Amino acid sequence: MSDEKYWYNLKTGEVERGLVTPAPDRAGPFDTAEEAARAPEIIRERSRKWAEEDAADR
């Protein structure tokens, strides 16, 4: 259930438990607070991977 998950607030940079912040301003869900705290790094990694896959498809 999403109330039991952790989210990263994109505006404040804080980790939140549950659906505290409106959807456009949060990233997640994550299973742990530690994972949510790494959200910016995880987002960068995934974006880089997707860009590489997209470039390989061309």
C-alpha atoms as a PDB file:
ATOM      1  CA  MET A   1       0.000   0.000   0.000  1.00  0.00           C
ATOM      2  CA  SER A   2       1.404   3.427  -0.911  1.00  0.00           C
ATOM      3  CA  ASP A   3       0.862   4.831   2.601  1.00  0.00           C
ATOM      4  CA  GLU A   4       3.506   2.378   3.783  1.00  0.00           C
ATOM      5  CA  LYS A   5       6.005   3.437   1.118  1.00  0.00           C
ATOM      6  CA  TYR A   6       8.555   6.238   1.121  1.00  0.00           C
ATOM      7  CA  TRP A   7       8.646   9.106  -1.338  1.00  0.00           C
ATOM      8  CA  TYR A   8      11.213  11.754  -2.227  1.00  0.00           C
ATOM      9  CA  ASN A   9       9.905  15.317  -2.247  1.00  0.00           C
ATOM     10  CA  LEU A  10      11.399  16.894  -5.380  1.00  0.00           C
ATOM     11  CA  LYS A  11      10.895  20.442  -4.087  1.00  0.00           C
ATOM     12  CA  THR A  12      12.284  20.115  -0.559  1.00  0.00           C
ATOM     13  CA  GLY A  13      14.656  17.163  -1.026  1.00  0.00           C
ATOM     14  CA  GLU A  14      13.124  15.439   1.996  1.00  0.00           C
ATOM     15  CA  VAL A  15      11.967  11.856   2.392  1.00  0.00           C
ATOM     16  CA  GLU A  16       8.303  11.431   3.272  1.00  0.00           C
ATOM     17  CA  ARG A  17       6.300   8.420   4.367  1.00  0.00           C
ATOM     18  CA  GLY A  18       2.975   8.090   2.616  1.00  0.00           C
ATOM     19  CA  LEU A  19       1.253  10.378   0.155  1.00  0.00           C
ATOM     20  CA  VAL A  20       2.097  13.726   1.744  1.00  0.00           C
ATOM     21  CA  THR A  21       3.101  15.760  -1.310  1.00  0.00           C
ATOM     22  CA  PRO A  22       1.113  16.124  -4.572  1.00  0.00           C
ATOM     23  CA  ALA A  23       2.153  13.656  -7.286  1.00  0.00           C
ATOM     24  CA  PRO A  24       4.017  16.128  -9.578  1.00  0.00           C
ATOM     25  CA  ASP A  25       6.348  17.014  -6.706  1.00  0.00           C
ATOM     26  CA  ARG A  26       7.329  13.538  -5.535  1.00  0.00           C
ATOM     27  CA  ALA A  27       9.332  10.556  -6.769  1.00  0.00           C
ATOM     28  CA  GLY A  28       8.730   6.993  -5.731  1.00  0.00           C
ATOM     29  CA  PRO A  29       7.513   4.879  -4.201  1.00  0.00           C
ATOM     30  CA  PHE A  30      10.492   3.330  -2.470  1.00  0.00           C
ATOM     31  CA  ASP A  31      10.520   0.504   0.060  1.00  0.00           C
ATOM     32  CA  THR A  32      12.907   2.197   2.493  1.00  0.00           C
ATOM     33  CA  ALA A  33      13.707   5.722   3.586  1.00  0.00           C
ATOM     34  CA  GLU A  34      17.340   5.140   2.605  1.00  0.00           C
ATOM     35  CA  GLU A  35      16.343   4.219  -0.931  1.00  0.00           C
ATOM     36  CA  ALA A  36      14.065   7.271  -1.160  1.00  0.00           C
ATOM     37  CA  ALA A  37      16.931   9.494  -0.031  1.00  0.00           C
ATOM     38  CA  ARG A  38      18.901   8.244  -3.048  1.00  0.00           C
ATOM     39  CA  ALA A  39      16.076   9.204  -5.443  1.00  0.00           C
ATOM     40  CA  PRO A  40      18.036  11.877  -7.360  1.00  0.00           C
ATOM     41  CA  GLU A  41      20.875   9.426  -7.966  1.00  0.00           C
ATOM     42  CA  ILE A  42      18.470   6.632  -8.951  1.00  0.00           C
ATOM     43  CA  ILE A  43      16.636   8.962 -11.358  1.00  0.00           C
ATOM     44  CA  ARG A  44      19.931   9.998 -12.993  1.00  0.00           C
ATOM     45  CA  GLU A  45      21.022   6.361 -13.352  1.00  0.00           C
ATOM     46  CA  ARG A  46      17.712   5.330 -14.930  1.00  0.00           C
ATOM     47  CA  SER A  47      17.686   8.331 -17.272  1.00  0.00           C
ATOM     48  CA  ARG A  48      21.233   7.567 -18.424  1.00  0.00           C
ATOM     49  CA  LYS A  49      20.332   3.916 -19.031  1.00  0.00           C
ATOM     50  CA  TRP A  50      17.202   4.846 -21.010  1.00  0.00           C
ATOM     51  CA  ALA A  51      19.175   7.344 -23.104  1.00  0.00           C
ATOM     52  CA  GLU A  52      21.793   4.691 -23.878  1.00  0.00           C
ATOM     53  CA  GLU A  53      19.093   2.170 -24.832  1.00  0.00           C
ATOM     54  CA  ASP A  54      17.359   4.758 -27.006  1.00  0.00           C
ATOM     55  CA  ALA A  55      20.631   5.613 -28.762  1.00  0.00           C
ATOM     56  CA  ALA A  56      21.317   1.909 -29.359  1.00  0.00           C
ATOM     57  CA  ASP A  57      17.868   1.487 -30.932  1.00  0.00           C
ATOM     58  CA  ARG A  58      18.591   4.204 -33.529  1.00  0.00           C
END
